[in-house]
Amino acid sequence: MTQPRRMANTNQLPAGVKNGAIWKLEPEERDLDANVISLAPDQSIGAHQGPALDVLLHIFAGSGTLVTEDSRIELTLGDIIYLPARSQREFIAGSAGLAYFSVHQRKRTQGLMPTPPAG
């Protein structure tokens, strides 16, 4: 059985200095997925449709903008943002970058690409 433990401290992560995941939840046996995404100043994650899962974000460094299908949400330190399953989203970091903690139900996939049929 897995025991409770500290997984990371967001004050010790290099938030807002590079683009992409700077931390992710590692235990293989789990029901949740979680990661920390960082965007350098004025960088973005282009518009896309989210996964078939609800996602919860916590903005813990920097600021930015979340662009949805019909609005713009200014992201500020401490915000908790709900992204419904399959919702359209785009993230744009502010001048100090942007970093957020993301958590959702674990995706049950076997990788990014489908396995080709045998034979």
C-alpha atoms as a PDB file:
ATOM      1  CA  MET A   1       0.000   0.000   0.000  1.00  0.00           C
ATOM      2  CA  THR A   2       1.253   3.466  -0.877  1.00  0.00           C
ATOM      3  CA  GLN A   3       1.680   5.863   2.036  1.00  0.00           C
ATOM      4  CA  PRO A   4       0.974   9.619   2.057  1.00  0.00           C
ATOM      5  CA  ARG A   5       4.071  11.671   1.237  1.00  0.00           C
ATOM      6  CA  ARG A   6       5.242  15.027  -0.068  1.00  0.00           C
ATOM      7  CA  MET A   7       5.518  14.891  -3.846  1.00  0.00           C
ATOM      8  CA  ALA A   8       6.847  18.367  -4.672  1.00  0.00           C
ATOM      9  CA  ASN A   9       6.985  21.957  -3.489  1.00  0.00           C
ATOM     10  CA  THR A  10       5.926  24.535  -6.088  1.00  0.00           C
ATOM     11  CA  ASN A  11       8.168  27.143  -4.425  1.00  0.00           C
ATOM     12  CA  GLN A  12      11.165  25.019  -5.443  1.00  0.00           C
ATOM     13  CA  LEU A  13      10.228  24.450  -9.111  1.00  0.00           C
ATOM     14  CA  PRO A  14      11.701  26.583 -11.925  1.00  0.00           C
ATOM     15  CA  ALA A  15       8.322  28.158 -12.769  1.00  0.00           C
ATOM     16  CA  GLY A  16       8.000  30.568 -15.677  1.00  0.00           C
ATOM     17  CA  VAL A  17      11.468  29.983 -17.086  1.00  0.00           C
ATOM     18  CA  LYS A  18      10.817  27.262 -19.645  1.00  0.00           C
ATOM     19  CA  ASN A  19       7.911  25.806 -21.573  1.00  0.00           C
ATOM     20  CA  GLY A  20       6.261  22.498 -20.757  1.00  0.00           C
ATOM     21  CA  ALA A  21       5.846  20.115 -17.877  1.00  0.00           C
ATOM     22  CA  ILE A  22       8.311  20.742 -15.061  1.00  0.00           C
ATOM     23  CA  TRP A  23       6.821  18.119 -12.703  1.00  0.00           C
ATOM     24  CA  LYS A  24       4.425  15.193 -13.018  1.00  0.00           C
ATOM     25  CA  LEU A  25       2.885  12.647 -10.696  1.00  0.00           C
ATOM     26  CA  GLU A  26       4.931   9.458 -10.971  1.00  0.00           C
ATOM     27  CA  PRO A  27       3.453   6.542  -8.970  1.00  0.00           C
ATOM     28  CA  GLU A  28       2.195   3.936 -11.427  1.00  0.00           C
ATOM     29  CA  GLU A  29      -0.742   2.811  -9.292  1.00  0.00           C
ATOM     30  CA  ARG A  30      -2.936   5.898  -9.013  1.00  0.00           C
ATOM     31  CA  ASP A  31      -6.346   7.246  -9.991  1.00  0.00           C
ATOM     32  CA  LEU A  32      -5.210  10.845 -10.626  1.00  0.00           C
ATOM     33  CA  ASP A  33      -2.899  12.551 -13.066  1.00  0.00           C
ATOM     34  CA  ALA A  34      -1.221  15.756 -11.998  1.00  0.00           C
ATOM     35  CA  ASN A  35       1.512  17.946 -13.400  1.00  0.00           C
ATOM     36  CA  VAL A  36       2.989  21.404 -13.270  1.00  0.00           C
ATOM     37  CA  ILE A  37       3.104  23.340 -16.519  1.00  0.00           C
ATOM     38  CA  SER A  38       5.385  26.321 -16.974  1.00  0.00           C
ATOM     39  CA  LEU A  39       5.386  28.917 -19.738  1.00  0.00           C
ATOM     40  CA  ALA A  40       8.189  31.415 -20.241  1.00  0.00           C
ATOM     41  CA  PRO A  41       7.224  35.099 -20.509  1.00  0.00           C
ATOM     42  CA  ASP A  42       4.868  35.871 -23.412  1.00  0.00           C
ATOM     43  CA  GLN A  43       4.823  32.232 -24.616  1.00  0.00           C
ATOM     44  CA  SER A  44       1.651  30.250 -25.257  1.00  0.00           C
ATOM     45  CA  ILE A  45      -0.004  26.877 -25.575  1.00  0.00           C
ATOM     46  CA  GLY A  46      -2.037  27.198 -28.755  1.00  0.00           C
ATOM     47  CA  ALA A  47      -5.787  26.777 -28.991  1.00  0.00           C
ATOM     48  CA  HIS A  48      -6.874  23.164 -28.627  1.00  0.00           C
ATOM     49  CA  GLN A  49      -9.720  21.008 -27.401  1.00  0.00           C
ATOM     50  CA  GLY A  50      -9.039  19.542 -23.976  1.00  0.00           C
ATOM     51  CA  PRO A  51      -9.219  15.867 -23.066  1.00  0.00           C
ATOM     52  CA  ALA A  52     -12.446  14.016 -22.302  1.00  0.00           C
ATOM     53  CA  LEU A  53     -11.840  14.749 -18.615  1.00  0.00           C
ATOM     54  CA  ASP A  54     -12.576  17.682 -16.327  1.00  0.00           C
ATOM     55  CA  VAL A  55      -9.380  19.466 -15.294  1.00  0.00           C
ATOM     56  CA  LEU A  56      -8.682  21.683 -12.301  1.00  0.00           C
ATOM     57  CA  LEU A  57      -5.832  24.217 -12.369  1.00  0.00           C
ATOM     58  CA  HIS A  58      -4.160  26.267  -9.655  1.00  0.00           C
ATOM     59  CA  ILE A  59      -2.134  29.295 -10.790  1.00  0.00           C
ATOM     60  CA  PHE A  60       0.879  29.473  -8.469  1.00  0.00           C
ATOM     61  CA  ALA A  61       3.331  31.699 -10.346  1.00  0.00           C
ATOM     62  CA  GLY A  62       3.107  34.545 -12.824  1.00  0.00           C
ATOM     63  CA  SER A  63      -0.001  35.527 -14.707  1.00  0.00           C
ATOM     64  CA  GLY A  64      -1.566  35.191 -18.123  1.00  0.00           C
ATOM     65  CA  THR A  65      -4.736  34.708 -20.111  1.00  0.00           C
ATOM     66  CA  LEU A  66      -6.950  31.698 -20.742  1.00  0.00           C
ATOM     67  CA  VAL A  67      -8.747  32.056 -24.080  1.00  0.00           C
ATOM     68  CA  THR A  68     -11.910  29.951 -24.365  1.00  0.00           C
ATOM     69  CA  GLU A  69     -14.412  29.579 -27.211  1.00  0.00           C
ATOM     70  CA  ASP A  70     -16.264  32.714 -26.179  1.00  0.00           C
ATOM     71  CA  SER A  71     -14.240  34.614 -23.577  1.00  0.00           C
ATOM     72  CA  ARG A  72     -10.875  35.572 -22.129  1.00  0.00           C
ATOM     73  CA  ILE A  73     -10.113  34.879 -18.481  1.00  0.00           C
ATOM     74  CA  GLU A  74      -7.261  36.800 -16.907  1.00  0.00           C
ATOM     75  CA  LEU A  75      -5.198  34.371 -14.809  1.00  0.00           C
ATOM     76  CA  THR A  76      -3.680  35.719 -11.603  1.00  0.00           C
ATOM     77  CA  LEU A  77      -1.717  34.266  -8.727  1.00  0.00           C
ATOM     78  CA  GLY A  78      -3.884  31.975  -6.597  1.00  0.00           C
ATOM     79  CA  ASP A  79      -6.668  31.428  -9.139  1.00  0.00           C
ATOM     80  CA  ILE A  80      -8.310  28.011  -9.252  1.00  0.00           C
ATOM     81  CA  ILE A  81      -9.692  27.349 -12.726  1.00  0.00           C
ATOM     82  CA  TYR A  82     -12.148  24.659 -13.809  1.00  0.00           C
ATOM     83  CA  LEU A  83     -11.818  23.363 -17.386  1.00  0.00           C
ATOM     84  CA  PRO A  84     -14.794  21.181 -18.381  1.00  0.00           C
ATOM     85  CA  ALA A  85     -14.117  18.051 -20.429  1.00  0.00           C
ATOM     86  CA  ARG A  86     -13.450  18.751 -24.118  1.00  0.00           C
ATOM     87  CA  SER A  87     -13.549  22.516 -23.643  1.00  0.00           C
ATOM     88  CA  GLN A  88     -11.609  24.764 -26.018  1.00  0.00           C
ATOM     89  CA  ARG A  89      -8.599  26.460 -24.392  1.00  0.00           C
ATOM     90  CA  GLU A  90      -5.469  28.471 -25.138  1.00  0.00           C
ATOM     91  CA  PHE A  91      -2.985  29.714 -22.548  1.00  0.00           C
ATOM     92  CA  ILE A  92      -0.924  32.879 -22.980  1.00  0.00           C
ATOM     93  CA  ALA A  93       1.714  33.706 -20.376  1.00  0.00           C
ATOM     94  CA  GLY A  94       2.150  37.241 -19.118  1.00  0.00           C
ATOM     95  CA  SER A  95       5.402  39.199 -18.961  1.00  0.00           C
ATOM     96  CA  ALA A  96       6.587  37.240 -15.888  1.00  0.00           C
ATOM     97  CA  GLY A  97       5.647  33.837 -17.289  1.00  0.00           C
ATOM     98  CA  LEU A  98       2.943  31.505 -16.023  1.00  0.00           C
ATOM     99  CA  ALA A  99       2.952  28.291 -14.006  1.00  0.00           C
ATOM    100  CA  TYR A 100       0.032  26.154 -12.948  1.00  0.00           C
ATOM    101  CA  PHE A 101      -0.679  22.882 -11.190  1.00  0.00           C
ATOM    102  CA  SER A 102      -3.105  20.668 -13.111  1.00  0.00           C
ATOM    103  CA  VAL A 103      -5.030  17.683 -11.767  1.00  0.00           C
ATOM    104  CA  HIS A 104      -7.597  15.365 -13.352  1.00  0.00           C
ATOM    105  CA  GLN A 105      -8.731  11.762 -13.404  1.00  0.00           C
ATOM    106  CA  ARG A 106      -6.045   9.536 -14.854  1.00  0.00           C
ATOM    107  CA  LYS A 107      -6.232   8.947 -18.593  1.00  0.00           C
ATOM    108  CA  ARG A 108      -6.284   5.244 -19.381  1.00  0.00           C
ATOM    109  CA  THR A 109      -4.212   5.133 -22.559  1.00  0.00           C
ATOM    110  CA  GLN A 110      -1.381   2.930 -23.728  1.00  0.00           C
ATOM    111  CA  GLY A 111       0.632   5.738 -25.304  1.00  0.00           C
ATOM    112  CA  LEU A 112       0.262   8.455 -27.868  1.00  0.00           C
ATOM    113  CA  MET A 113       0.001   6.331 -30.973  1.00  0.00           C
ATOM    114  CA  PRO A 114      -2.319   3.388 -31.660  1.00  0.00           C
ATOM    115  CA  THR A 115      -0.683  -0.018 -31.943  1.00  0.00           C
ATOM    116  CA  PRO A 116      -0.584  -1.208 -35.581  1.00  0.00           C
ATOM    117  CA  PRO A 117      -2.407  -4.483 -36.269  1.00  0.00           C
ATOM    118  CA  ALA A 118      -0.240  -7.618 -36.283  1.00  0.00           C
ATOM    119  CA  GLY A 119       0.458  -9.350 -39.543  1.00  0.00           C
END
